[in-house]
Amino acid sequence: MNNNKKKSKRLAGRVSRLPLLHHVHRMFASQTEGELKVTQTLKEKFPRATAVKVTDISGCGAMYEIQIESEDFKEKRTVQQHQMVNQALKEEIKEMHGLRIFTSVPKH
């Protein structure tokens, strides 16, 4: 085995053990303008929400993940809950490429 191949193998082993700093950094970063806008809209449309988390999973405002917990979803099927979120964000969705929605009802 030549020196370049040996060096590549050594580096490959090191790289695979490196922490994903990009993800750690993102966890502590403040919300983006888009995340704040979507969060504000959801809080206005769902005033009984006990938790709202919006994450720009594309990094450029094209795709978001929404986690929202509200009494408004009680006794509604998941598809109905998601329709409620889609309706609340109908203007914002026009600018998005995709959306992941996770809804839940608070546990008492």
PDB file of N, CA and C in Angstrom:
ATOM      1  N   MET A   1       0.854  -1.173   0.000  1.00  0.00           N
ATOM      2  CA  MET A   1       0.000   0.000   0.000  1.00  0.00           C
ATOM      3  C   MET A   1       0.898   1.233   0.000  1.00  0.00           C
ATOM      4  N   ASN A   2       0.596   2.185  -0.863  1.00  0.00           N
ATOM      5  CA  ASN A   2       1.445   3.368  -0.917  1.00  0.00           C
ATOM      6  C   ASN A   2       1.092   4.341   0.209  1.00  0.00           C
ATOM      7  N   ASN A   3       1.919   5.362   0.388  1.00  0.00           N
ATOM      8  CA  ASN A   3       1.736   6.316   1.486  1.00  0.00           C
ATOM      9  C   ASN A   3       0.423   7.083   1.408  1.00  0.00           C
ATOM     10  N   ASN A   4      -0.023   7.457   0.203  1.00  0.00           N
ATOM     11  CA  ASN A   4      -1.279   8.201   0.059  1.00  0.00           C
ATOM     12  C   ASN A   4      -2.483   7.389   0.527  1.00  0.00           C
ATOM     13  N   LYS A   5      -2.503   6.088   0.192  1.00  0.00           N
ATOM     14  CA  LYS A   5      -3.609   5.240   0.607  1.00  0.00           C
ATOM     15  C   LYS A   5      -3.619   5.060   2.123  1.00  0.00           C
ATOM     16  N   LYS A   6      -2.420   4.896   2.716  1.00  0.00           N
ATOM     17  CA  LYS A   6      -2.326   4.755   4.172  1.00  0.00           C
ATOM     18  C   LYS A   6      -2.826   6.021   4.850  1.00  0.00           C
ATOM     19  N   LYS A   7      -2.409   7.163   4.319  1.00  0.00           N
ATOM     20  CA  LYS A   7      -2.815   8.450   4.897  1.00  0.00           C
ATOM     21  C   LYS A   7      -4.334   8.622   4.790  1.00  0.00           C
ATOM     22  N   SER A   8      -4.913   8.252   3.649  1.00  0.00           N
ATOM     23  CA  SER A   8      -6.362   8.355   3.447  1.00  0.00           C
ATOM     24  C   SER A   8      -7.117   7.503   4.454  1.00  0.00           C
ATOM     25  N   LYS A   9      -6.622   6.284   4.694  1.00  0.00           N
ATOM     26  CA  LYS A   9      -7.268   5.398   5.658  1.00  0.00           C
ATOM     27  C   LYS A   9      -7.225   5.991   7.065  1.00  0.00           C
ATOM     28  N   ARG A  10      -6.068   6.532   7.449  1.00  0.00           N
ATOM     29  CA  ARG A  10      -5.928   7.140   8.776  1.00  0.00           C
ATOM     30  C   ARG A  10      -6.888   8.321   8.918  1.00  0.00           C
ATOM     31  N   LEU A  11      -6.953   9.180   7.910  1.00  0.00           N
ATOM     32  CA  LEU A  11      -7.825  10.350   7.956  1.00  0.00           C
ATOM     33  C   LEU A  11      -9.294   9.949   7.963  1.00  0.00           C
ATOM     34  N   ALA A  12      -9.652   8.940   7.181  1.00  0.00           N
ATOM     35  CA  ALA A  12     -11.046   8.499   7.132  1.00  0.00           C
ATOM     36  C   ALA A  12     -11.504   8.050   8.513  1.00  0.00           C
ATOM     37  N   GLY A  13     -10.658   7.341   9.224  1.00  0.00           N
ATOM     38  CA  GLY A  13     -11.004   6.904  10.576  1.00  0.00           C
ATOM     39  C   GLY A  13     -11.198   8.072  11.520  1.00  0.00           C
ATOM     40  N   ARG A  14     -10.382   9.095  11.381  1.00  0.00           N
ATOM     41  CA  ARG A  14     -10.501  10.276  12.239  1.00  0.00           C
ATOM     42  C   ARG A  14     -11.742  11.083  11.911  1.00  0.00           C
ATOM     43  N   VAL A  15     -12.003  11.271  10.635  1.00  0.00           N
ATOM     44  CA  VAL A  15     -13.142  12.076  10.217  1.00  0.00           C
ATOM     45  C   VAL A  15     -14.445  11.463  10.700  1.00  0.00           C
ATOM     46  N   SER A  16     -14.561  10.148  10.634  1.00  0.00           N
ATOM     47  CA  SER A  16     -15.811   9.510  11.036  1.00  0.00           C
ATOM     48  C   SER A  16     -16.082   9.666  12.531  1.00  0.00           C
ATOM     49  N   ARG A  17     -15.061   9.979  13.314  1.00  0.00           N
ATOM     50  CA  ARG A  17     -15.250  10.136  14.750  1.00  0.00           C
ATOM     51  C   ARG A  17     -15.404  11.600  15.160  1.00  0.00           C
ATOM     52  N   LEU A  18     -15.345  12.505  14.200  1.00  0.00           N
ATOM     53  CA  LEU A  18     -15.496  13.915  14.533  1.00  0.00           C
ATOM     54  C   LEU A  18     -16.933  14.221  14.909  1.00  0.00           C
ATOM     55  N   PRO A  19     -17.159  15.074  15.903  1.00  0.00           N
ATOM     56  CA  PRO A  19     -18.537  15.432  16.262  1.00  0.00           C
ATOM     57  C   PRO A  19     -19.168  16.288  15.166  1.00  0.00           C
ATOM     58  N   LEU A  20     -20.459  16.238  15.077  1.00  0.00           N
ATOM     59  CA  LEU A  20     -21.175  17.043  14.090  1.00  0.00           C
ATOM     60  C   LEU A  20     -21.383  18.444  14.647  1.00  0.00           C
ATOM     61  N   LEU A  21     -20.357  19.254  14.553  1.00  0.00           N
ATOM     62  CA  LEU A  21     -20.401  20.598  15.134  1.00  0.00           C
ATOM     63  C   LEU A  21     -21.476  21.459  14.498  1.00  0.00           C
ATOM     64  N   HIS A  22     -21.735  21.260  13.238  1.00  0.00           N
ATOM     65  CA  HIS A  22     -22.760  22.020  12.536  1.00  0.00           C
ATOM     66  C   HIS A  22     -24.103  21.888  13.261  1.00  0.00           C
ATOM     67  N   HIS A  23     -24.454  20.658  13.672  1.00  0.00           N
ATOM     68  CA  HIS A  23     -25.727  20.428  14.348  1.00  0.00           C
ATOM     69  C   HIS A  23     -25.718  21.017  15.752  1.00  0.00           C
ATOM     70  N   VAL A  24     -24.625  20.900  16.452  1.00  0.00           N
ATOM     71  CA  VAL A  24     -24.523  21.452  17.799  1.00  0.00           C
ATOM     72  C   VAL A  24     -24.660  22.960  17.750  1.00  0.00           C
ATOM     73  N   HIS A  25     -23.988  23.582  16.787  1.00  0.00           N
ATOM     74  CA  HIS A  25     -24.052  25.033  16.645  1.00  0.00           C
ATOM     75  C   HIS A  25     -25.488  25.475  16.384  1.00  0.00           C
ATOM     76  N   ARG A  26     -26.202  24.761  15.525  1.00  0.00           N
ATOM     77  CA  ARG A  26     -27.570  25.135  15.160  1.00  0.00           C
ATOM     78  C   ARG A  26     -28.501  25.052  16.351  1.00  0.00           C
ATOM     79  N   MET A  27     -28.257  24.128  17.255  1.00  0.00           N
ATOM     80  CA  MET A  27     -29.124  23.980  18.415  1.00  0.00           C
ATOM     81  C   MET A  27     -29.111  25.233  19.281  1.00  0.00           C
ATOM     82  N   PHE A  28     -28.006  25.921  19.326  1.00  0.00           N
ATOM     83  CA  PHE A  28     -27.877  27.071  20.203  1.00  0.00           C
ATOM     84  C   PHE A  28     -28.068  28.400  19.472  1.00  0.00           C
ATOM     85  N   ALA A  29     -28.239  28.351  18.160  1.00  0.00           N
ATOM     86  CA  ALA A  29     -28.424  29.579  17.388  1.00  0.00           C
ATOM     87  C   ALA A  29     -29.814  30.135  17.644  1.00  0.00           C
ATOM     88  N   SER A  30     -29.954  31.451  17.520  1.00  0.00           N
ATOM     89  CA  SER A  30     -31.269  32.045  17.687  1.00  0.00           C
ATOM     90  C   SER A  30     -32.123  31.721  16.475  1.00  0.00           C
ATOM     91  N   GLN A  31     -33.416  31.913  16.630  1.00  0.00           N
ATOM     92  CA  GLN A  31     -34.335  31.603  15.540  1.00  0.00           C
ATOM     93  C   GLN A  31     -34.122  32.528  14.355  1.00  0.00           C
ATOM     94  N   THR A  32     -34.345  31.982  13.172  1.00  0.00           N
ATOM     95  CA  THR A  32     -34.247  32.787  11.957  1.00  0.00           C
ATOM     96  C   THR A  32     -35.505  33.643  11.830  1.00  0.00           C
ATOM     97  N   GLU A  33     -35.464  34.599  10.922  1.00  0.00           N
ATOM     98  CA  GLU A  33     -36.621  35.471  10.695  1.00  0.00           C
ATOM     99  C   GLU A  33     -37.851  34.653  10.279  1.00  0.00           C
ATOM    100  N   GLY A  34     -37.633  33.673   9.414  1.00  0.00           N
ATOM    101  CA  GLY A  34     -38.731  32.814   8.966  1.00  0.00           C
ATOM    102  C   GLY A  34     -39.318  31.992  10.102  1.00  0.00           C
ATOM    103  N   GLU A  35     -38.453  31.437  10.944  1.00  0.00           N
ATOM    104  CA  GLU A  35     -38.924  30.659  12.092  1.00  0.00           C
ATOM    105  C   GLU A  35     -39.748  31.530  13.027  1.00  0.00           C
ATOM    106  N   LEU A  36     -39.277  32.738  13.265  1.00  0.00           N
ATOM    107  CA  LEU A  36     -40.006  33.657  14.144  1.00  0.00           C
ATOM    108  C   LEU A  36     -41.373  34.016  13.572  1.00  0.00           C
ATOM    109  N   LYS A  37     -41.434  34.257  12.269  1.00  0.00           N
ATOM    110  CA  LYS A  37     -42.693  34.617  11.614  1.00  0.00           C
ATOM    111  C   LYS A  37     -43.706  33.483  11.724  1.00  0.00           C
ATOM    112  N   VAL A  38     -43.262  32.260  11.427  1.00  0.00           N
ATOM    113  CA  VAL A  38     -44.155  31.101  11.495  1.00  0.00           C
ATOM    114  C   VAL A  38     -44.585  30.855  12.940  1.00  0.00           C
ATOM    115  N   THR A  39     -43.659  30.971  13.883  1.00  0.00           N
ATOM    116  CA  THR A  39     -43.980  30.785  15.303  1.00  0.00           C
ATOM    117  C   THR A  39     -45.027  31.802  15.748  1.00  0.00           C
ATOM    118  N   GLN A  40     -44.837  33.053  15.387  1.00  0.00           N
ATOM    119  CA  GLN A  40     -45.776  34.111  15.768  1.00  0.00           C
ATOM    120  C   GLN A  40     -47.166  33.837  15.194  1.00  0.00           C
ATOM    121  N   THR A  41     -47.235  33.454  13.944  1.00  0.00           N
ATOM    122  CA  THR A  41     -48.519  33.155  13.305  1.00  0.00           C
ATOM    123  C   THR A  41     -49.220  32.007  14.025  1.00  0.00           C
ATOM    124  N   LEU A  42     -48.479  30.949  14.337  1.00  0.00           N
ATOM    125  CA  LEU A  42     -49.074  29.804  15.025  1.00  0.00           C
ATOM    126  C   LEU A  42     -49.567  30.177  16.420  1.00  0.00           C
ATOM    127  N   LYS A  43     -48.820  31.000  17.119  1.00  0.00           N
ATOM    128  CA  LYS A  43     -49.243  31.421  18.461  1.00  0.00           C
ATOM    129  C   LYS A  43     -50.506  32.279  18.393  1.00  0.00           C
ATOM    130  N   GLU A  44     -50.632  33.075  17.339  1.00  0.00           N
ATOM    131  CA  GLU A  44     -51.835  33.888  17.155  1.00  0.00           C
ATOM    132  C   GLU A  44     -53.042  33.019  16.799  1.00  0.00           C
ATOM    133  N   LYS A  45     -52.843  32.045  15.921  1.00  0.00           N
ATOM    134  CA  LYS A  45     -53.940  31.197  15.451  1.00  0.00           C
ATOM    135  C   LYS A  45     -54.321  30.116  16.468  1.00  0.00           C
ATOM    136  N   PHE A  46     -53.369  29.747  17.318  1.00  0.00           N
ATOM    137  CA  PHE A  46     -53.610  28.733  18.342  1.00  0.00           C
ATOM    138  C   PHE A  46     -53.253  29.312  19.718  1.00  0.00           C
ATOM    139  N   PRO A  47     -54.055  30.226  20.232  1.00  0.00           N
ATOM    140  CA  PRO A  47     -53.722  30.873  21.514  1.00  0.00           C
ATOM    141  C   PRO A  47     -53.677  29.901  22.697  1.00  0.00           C
ATOM    142  N   ARG A  48     -54.318  28.750  22.561  1.00  0.00           N
ATOM    143  CA  ARG A  48     -54.286  27.752  23.645  1.00  0.00           C
ATOM    144  C   ARG A  48     -53.106  26.796  23.514  1.00  0.00           C
ATOM    145  N   ALA A  49     -52.222  27.035  22.576  1.00  0.00           N
ATOM    146  CA  ALA A  49     -51.058  26.155  22.392  1.00  0.00           C
ATOM    147  C   ALA A  49     -50.159  26.222  23.621  1.00  0.00           C
ATOM    148  N   THR A  50     -49.753  25.061  24.086  1.00  0.00           N
ATOM    149  CA  THR A  50     -48.855  24.989  25.243  1.00  0.00           C
ATOM    150  C   THR A  50     -47.405  24.851  24.810  1.00  0.00           C
ATOM    151  N   ALA A  51     -47.190  24.504  23.535  1.00  0.00           N
ATOM    152  CA  ALA A  51     -45.830  24.405  22.997  1.00  0.00           C
ATOM    153  C   ALA A  51     -45.873  24.629  21.491  1.00  0.00           C
ATOM    154  N   VAL A  52     -44.947  25.458  21.008  1.00  0.00           N
ATOM    155  CA  VAL A  52     -44.792  25.699  19.568  1.00  0.00           C
ATOM    156  C   VAL A  52     -43.298  25.727  19.280  1.00  0.00           C
ATOM    157  N   LYS A  53     -42.866  24.833  18.397  1.00  0.00           N
ATOM    158  CA  LYS A  53     -41.457  24.824  17.997  1.00  0.00           C
ATOM    159  C   LYS A  53     -41.397  24.783  16.479  1.00  0.00           C
ATOM    160  N   VAL A  54     -40.706  25.744  15.900  1.00  0.00           N
ATOM    161  CA  VAL A  54     -40.568  25.832  14.451  1.00  0.00           C
ATOM    162  C   VAL A  54     -39.081  25.790  14.113  1.00  0.00           C
ATOM    163  N   THR A  55     -38.708  24.895  13.214  1.00  0.00           N
ATOM    164  CA  THR A  55     -37.311  24.747  12.816  1.00  0.00           C
ATOM    165  C   THR A  55     -37.196  24.796  11.304  1.00  0.00           C
ATOM    166  N   ASP A  56     -36.325  25.662  10.822  1.00  0.00           N
ATOM    167  CA  ASP A  56     -36.025  25.741   9.387  1.00  0.00           C
ATOM    168  C   ASP A  56     -35.065  24.595   9.087  1.00  0.00           C
ATOM    169  N   ILE A  57     -35.582  23.501   8.549  1.00  0.00           N
ATOM    170  CA  ILE A  57     -34.747  22.325   8.320  1.00  0.00           C
ATOM    171  C   ILE A  57     -33.997  22.385   6.990  1.00  0.00           C
ATOM    172  N   SER A  58     -34.310  23.384   6.180  1.00  0.00           N
ATOM    173  CA  SER A  58     -33.597  23.551   4.910  1.00  0.00           C
ATOM    174  C   SER A  58     -32.404  24.492   5.068  1.00  0.00           C
ATOM    175  N   GLY A  59     -32.473  25.351   6.072  1.00  0.00           N
ATOM    176  CA  GLY A  59     -31.410  26.333   6.269  1.00  0.00           C
ATOM    177  C   GLY A  59     -31.579  27.592   5.441  1.00  0.00           C
ATOM    178  N   CYS A  60     -32.596  27.594   4.566  1.00  0.00           N
ATOM    179  CA  CYS A  60     -32.786  28.766   3.699  1.00  0.00           C
ATOM    180  C   CYS A  60     -34.238  29.235   3.645  1.00  0.00           C
ATOM    181  N   GLY A  61     -35.071  28.726   4.529  1.00  0.00           N
ATOM    182  CA  GLY A  61     -36.463  29.155   4.564  1.00  0.00           C
ATOM    183  C   GLY A  61     -37.379  28.411   3.615  1.00  0.00           C
ATOM    184  N   ALA A  62     -36.897  27.342   3.000  1.00  0.00           N
ATOM    185  CA  ALA A  62     -37.714  26.611   2.034  1.00  0.00           C
ATOM    186  C   ALA A  62     -38.521  25.479   2.662  1.00  0.00           C
ATOM    187  N   MET A  63     -38.034  24.934   3.780  1.00  0.00           N
ATOM    188  CA  MET A  63     -38.715  23.798   4.410  1.00  0.00           C
ATOM    189  C   MET A  63     -38.634  23.920   5.926  1.00  0.00           C
ATOM    190  N   TYR A  64     -39.763  23.718   6.575  1.00  0.00           N
ATOM    191  CA  TYR A  64     -39.843  23.865   8.023  1.00  0.00           C
ATOM    192  C   TYR A  64     -40.398  22.603   8.666  1.00  0.00           C
ATOM    193  N   GLU A  65     -40.012  22.416   9.915  1.00  0.00           N
ATOM    194  CA  GLU A  65     -40.605  21.380  10.751  1.00  0.00           C
ATOM    195  C   GLU A  65     -41.317  22.089  11.884  1.00  0.00           C
ATOM    196  N   ILE A  66     -42.572  21.735  12.096  1.00  0.00           N
ATOM    197  CA  ILE A  66     -43.396  22.373  13.120  1.00  0.00           C
ATOM    198  C   ILE A  66     -43.832  21.327  14.126  1.00  0.00           C
ATOM    199  N   GLN A  67     -43.646  21.651  15.388  1.00  0.00           N
ATOM    200  CA  GLN A  67     -44.164  20.832  16.476  1.00  0.00           C
ATOM    201  C   GLN A  67     -45.064  21.742  17.296  1.00  0.00           C
ATOM    202  N   ILE A  68     -46.334  21.366  17.404  1.00  0.00           N
ATOM    203  CA  ILE A  68     -47.275  22.211  18.136  1.00  0.00           C
ATOM    204  C   ILE A  68     -48.191  21.340  18.990  1.00  0.00           C
ATOM    205  N   GLU A  69     -48.361  21.779  20.221  1.00  0.00           N
ATOM    206  CA  GLU A  69     -49.201  21.083  21.181  1.00  0.00           C
ATOM    207  C   GLU A  69     -50.309  22.042  21.590  1.00  0.00           C
ATOM    208  N   SER A  70     -51.571  21.611  21.412  1.00  0.00           N
ATOM    209  CA  SER A  70     -52.688  22.501  21.721  1.00  0.00           C
ATOM    210  C   SER A  70     -53.949  21.714  22.050  1.00  0.00           C
ATOM    211  N   GLU A  71     -54.753  22.272  22.936  1.00  0.00           N
ATOM    212  CA  GLU A  71     -56.067  21.719  23.259  1.00  0.00           C
ATOM    213  C   GLU A  71     -56.980  21.752  22.031  1.00  0.00           C
ATOM    214  N   ASP A  72     -56.690  22.647  21.095  1.00  0.00           N
ATOM    215  CA  ASP A  72     -57.502  22.767  19.879  1.00  0.00           C
ATOM    216  C   ASP A  72     -57.533  21.475  19.078  1.00  0.00           C
ATOM    217  N   PHE A  73     -56.564  20.608  19.283  1.00  0.00           N
ATOM    218  CA  PHE A  73     -56.471  19.367  18.526  1.00  0.00           C
ATOM    219  C   PHE A  73     -57.224  18.210  19.190  1.00  0.00           C
ATOM    220  N   LYS A  74     -57.753  18.457  20.375  1.00  0.00           N
ATOM    221  CA  LYS A  74     -58.429  17.406  21.131  1.00  0.00           C
ATOM    222  C   LYS A  74     -59.613  16.862  20.331  1.00  0.00           C
ATOM    223  N   GLU A  75     -59.729  15.548  20.317  1.00  0.00           N
ATOM    224  CA  GLU A  75     -60.808  14.825  19.640  1.00  0.00           C
ATOM    225  C   GLU A  75     -60.827  15.036  18.125  1.00  0.00           C
ATOM    226  N   LYS A  76     -59.691  15.414  17.559  1.00  0.00           N
ATOM    227  CA  LYS A  76     -59.563  15.556  16.109  1.00  0.00           C
ATOM    228  C   LYS A  76     -58.568  14.507  15.619  1.00  0.00           C
ATOM    229  N   ARG A  77     -58.838  13.985  14.435  1.00  0.00           N
ATOM    230  CA  ARG A  77     -57.899  13.035  13.832  1.00  0.00           C
ATOM    231  C   ARG A  77     -56.646  13.794  13.400  1.00  0.00           C
ATOM    232  N   THR A  78     -55.552  13.073  13.243  1.00  0.00           N
ATOM    233  CA  THR A  78     -54.275  13.689  12.868  1.00  0.00           C
ATOM    234  C   THR A  78     -54.411  14.496  11.581  1.00  0.00           C
ATOM    235  N   VAL A  79     -55.100  13.958  10.603  1.00  0.00           N
ATOM    236  CA  VAL A  79     -55.248  14.680   9.335  1.00  0.00           C
ATOM    237  C   VAL A  79     -55.990  16.001   9.554  1.00  0.00           C
ATOM    238  N   GLN A  80     -56.986  16.015  10.428  1.00  0.00           N
ATOM    239  CA  GLN A  80     -57.706  17.256  10.730  1.00  0.00           C
ATOM    240  C   GLN A  80     -56.802  18.258  11.453  1.00  0.00           C
ATOM    241  N   GLN A  81     -55.975  17.772  12.356  1.00  0.00           N
ATOM    242  CA  GLN A  81     -55.028  18.637  13.067  1.00  0.00           C
ATOM    243  C   GLN A  81     -54.073  19.291  12.081  1.00  0.00           C
ATOM    244  N   HIS A  82     -53.564  18.507  11.154  1.00  0.00           N
ATOM    245  CA  HIS A  82     -52.619  19.024  10.168  1.00  0.00           C
ATOM    246  C   HIS A  82     -53.298  20.011   9.222  1.00  0.00           C
ATOM    247  N   GLN A  83     -54.555  19.755   8.890  1.00  0.00           N
ATOM    248  CA  GLN A  83     -55.307  20.695   8.061  1.00  0.00           C
ATOM    249  C   GLN A  83     -55.471  22.031   8.778  1.00  0.00           C
ATOM    250  N   MET A  84     -55.670  21.991  10.087  1.00  0.00           N
ATOM    251  CA  MET A  84     -55.802  23.219  10.873  1.00  0.00           C
ATOM    252  C   MET A  84     -54.505  24.037  10.810  1.00  0.00           C
ATOM    253  N   VAL A  85     -53.374  23.359  10.928  1.00  0.00           N
ATOM    254  CA  VAL A  85     -52.073  24.032  10.857  1.00  0.00           C
ATOM    255  C   VAL A  85     -51.855  24.595   9.457  1.00  0.00           C
ATOM    256  N   ASN A  86     -52.152  23.802   8.441  1.00  0.00           N
ATOM    257  CA  ASN A  86     -52.016  24.271   7.057  1.00  0.00           C
ATOM    258  C   ASN A  86     -52.880  25.501   6.809  1.00  0.00           C
ATOM    259  N   GLN A  87     -54.103  25.494   7.307  1.00  0.00           N
ATOM    260  CA  GLN A  87     -55.002  26.635   7.136  1.00  0.00           C
ATOM    261  C   GLN A  87     -54.448  27.872   7.844  1.00  0.00           C
ATOM    262  N   ALA A  88     -53.913  27.678   9.042  1.00  0.00           N
ATOM    263  CA  ALA A  88     -53.350  28.797   9.810  1.00  0.00           C
ATOM    264  C   ALA A  88     -52.155  29.420   9.091  1.00  0.00           C
ATOM    265  N   LEU A  89     -51.422  28.607   8.343  1.00  0.00           N
ATOM    266  CA  LEU A  89     -50.207  29.073   7.667  1.00  0.00           C
ATOM    267  C   LEU A  89     -50.382  29.204   6.150  1.00  0.00           C
ATOM    268  N   LYS A  90     -51.612  29.358   5.688  1.00  0.00           N
ATOM    269  CA  LYS A  90     -51.845  29.332   4.239  1.00  0.00           C
ATOM    270  C   LYS A  90     -51.032  30.376   3.472  1.00  0.00           C
ATOM    271  N   GLU A  91     -50.808  31.548   4.039  1.00  0.00           N
ATOM    272  CA  GLU A  91     -50.004  32.573   3.356  1.00  0.00           C
ATOM    273  C   GLU A  91     -48.519  32.223   3.383  1.00  0.00           C
ATOM    274  N   GLU A  92     -48.040  31.769   4.539  1.00  0.00           N
ATOM    275  CA  GLU A  92     -46.625  31.434   4.695  1.00  0.00           C
ATOM    276  C   GLU A  92     -46.240  30.241   3.823  1.00  0.00           C
ATOM    277  N   ILE A  93     -47.168  29.297   3.678  1.00  0.00           N
ATOM    278  CA  ILE A  93     -46.903  28.075   2.921  1.00  0.00           C
ATOM    279  C   ILE A  93     -46.628  28.391   1.448  1.00  0.00           C
ATOM    280  N   LYS A  94     -47.193  29.454   0.944  1.00  0.00           N
ATOM    281  CA  LYS A  94     -46.977  29.837  -0.459  1.00  0.00           C
ATOM    282  C   LYS A  94     -45.493  30.042  -0.771  1.00  0.00           C
ATOM    283  N   GLU A  95     -44.710  30.417   0.228  1.00  0.00           N
ATOM    284  CA  GLU A  95     -43.281  30.682   0.048  1.00  0.00           C
ATOM    285  C   GLU A  95     -42.408  29.467   0.357  1.00  0.00           C
ATOM    286  N   MET A  96     -43.024  28.373   0.829  1.00  0.00           N
ATOM    287  CA  MET A  96     -42.264  27.197   1.265  1.00  0.00           C
ATOM    288  C   MET A  96     -42.212  26.120   0.190  1.00  0.00           C
ATOM    289  N   HIS A  97     -41.194  25.301   0.298  1.00  0.00           N
ATOM    290  CA  HIS A  97     -41.058  24.133  -0.574  1.00  0.00           C
ATOM    291  C   HIS A  97     -41.707  22.915   0.098  1.00  0.00           C
ATOM    292  N   GLY A  98     -41.611  22.852   1.420  1.00  0.00           N
ATOM    293  CA  GLY A  98     -42.152  21.710   2.147  1.00  0.00           C
ATOM    294  C   GLY A  98     -42.358  22.026   3.612  1.00  0.00           C
ATOM    295  N   LEU A  99     -43.127  21.158   4.262  1.00  0.00           N
ATOM    296  CA  LEU A  99     -43.486  21.380   5.657  1.00  0.00           C
ATOM    297  C   LEU A  99     -43.705  20.032   6.338  1.00  0.00           C
ATOM    298  N   ARG A 100     -43.082  19.851   7.484  1.00  0.00           N
ATOM    299  CA  ARG A 100     -43.321  18.665   8.322  1.00  0.00           C
ATOM    300  C   ARG A 100     -44.120  19.141   9.525  1.00  0.00           C
ATOM    301  N   ILE A 101     -45.205  18.483   9.820  1.00  0.00           N
ATOM    302  CA  ILE A 101     -46.066  18.896  10.926  1.00  0.00           C
ATOM    303  C   ILE A 101     -46.196  17.767  11.922  1.00  0.00           C
ATOM    304  N   PHE A 102     -45.992  18.102  13.194  1.00  0.00           N
ATOM    305  CA  PHE A 102     -46.195  17.170  14.297  1.00  0.00           C
ATOM    306  C   PHE A 102     -47.120  17.861  15.287  1.00  0.00           C
ATOM    307  N   THR A 103     -48.305  17.292  15.489  1.00  0.00           N
ATOM    308  CA  THR A 103     -49.273  17.889  16.404  1.00  0.00           C
ATOM    309  C   THR A 103     -49.525  16.948  17.568  1.00  0.00           C
ATOM    310  N   SER A 104     -49.930  17.541  18.685  1.00  0.00           N
ATOM    311  CA  SER A 104     -50.280  16.727  19.850  1.00  0.00           C
ATOM    312  C   SER A 104     -51.209  17.519  20.764  1.00  0.00           C
ATOM    313  N   VAL A 105     -51.851  16.791  21.656  1.00  0.00           N
ATOM    314  CA  VAL A 105     -52.735  17.379  22.666  1.00  0.00           C
ATOM    315  C   VAL A 105     -51.997  17.299  23.993  1.00  0.00           C
ATOM    316  N   PRO A 106     -52.040  18.375  24.803  1.00  0.00           N
ATOM    317  CA  PRO A 106     -51.341  18.339  26.107  1.00  0.00           C
ATOM    318  C   PRO A 106     -51.871  17.197  26.975  1.00  0.00           C
ATOM    319  N   LYS A 107     -50.967  16.558  27.679  1.00  0.00           N
ATOM    320  CA  LYS A 107     -51.362  15.511  28.618  1.00  0.00           C
ATOM    321  C   LYS A 107     -51.616  16.140  29.975  1.00  0.00           C
ATOM    322  N   HIS A 108     -52.724  15.776  30.579  1.00  0.00           N
ATOM    323  CA  HIS A 108     -53.070  16.391  31.874  1.00  0.00           C
ATOM    324  C   HIS A 108     -52.704  15.499  33.022  1.00  0.00           C
TER     325      HIS A 108
END
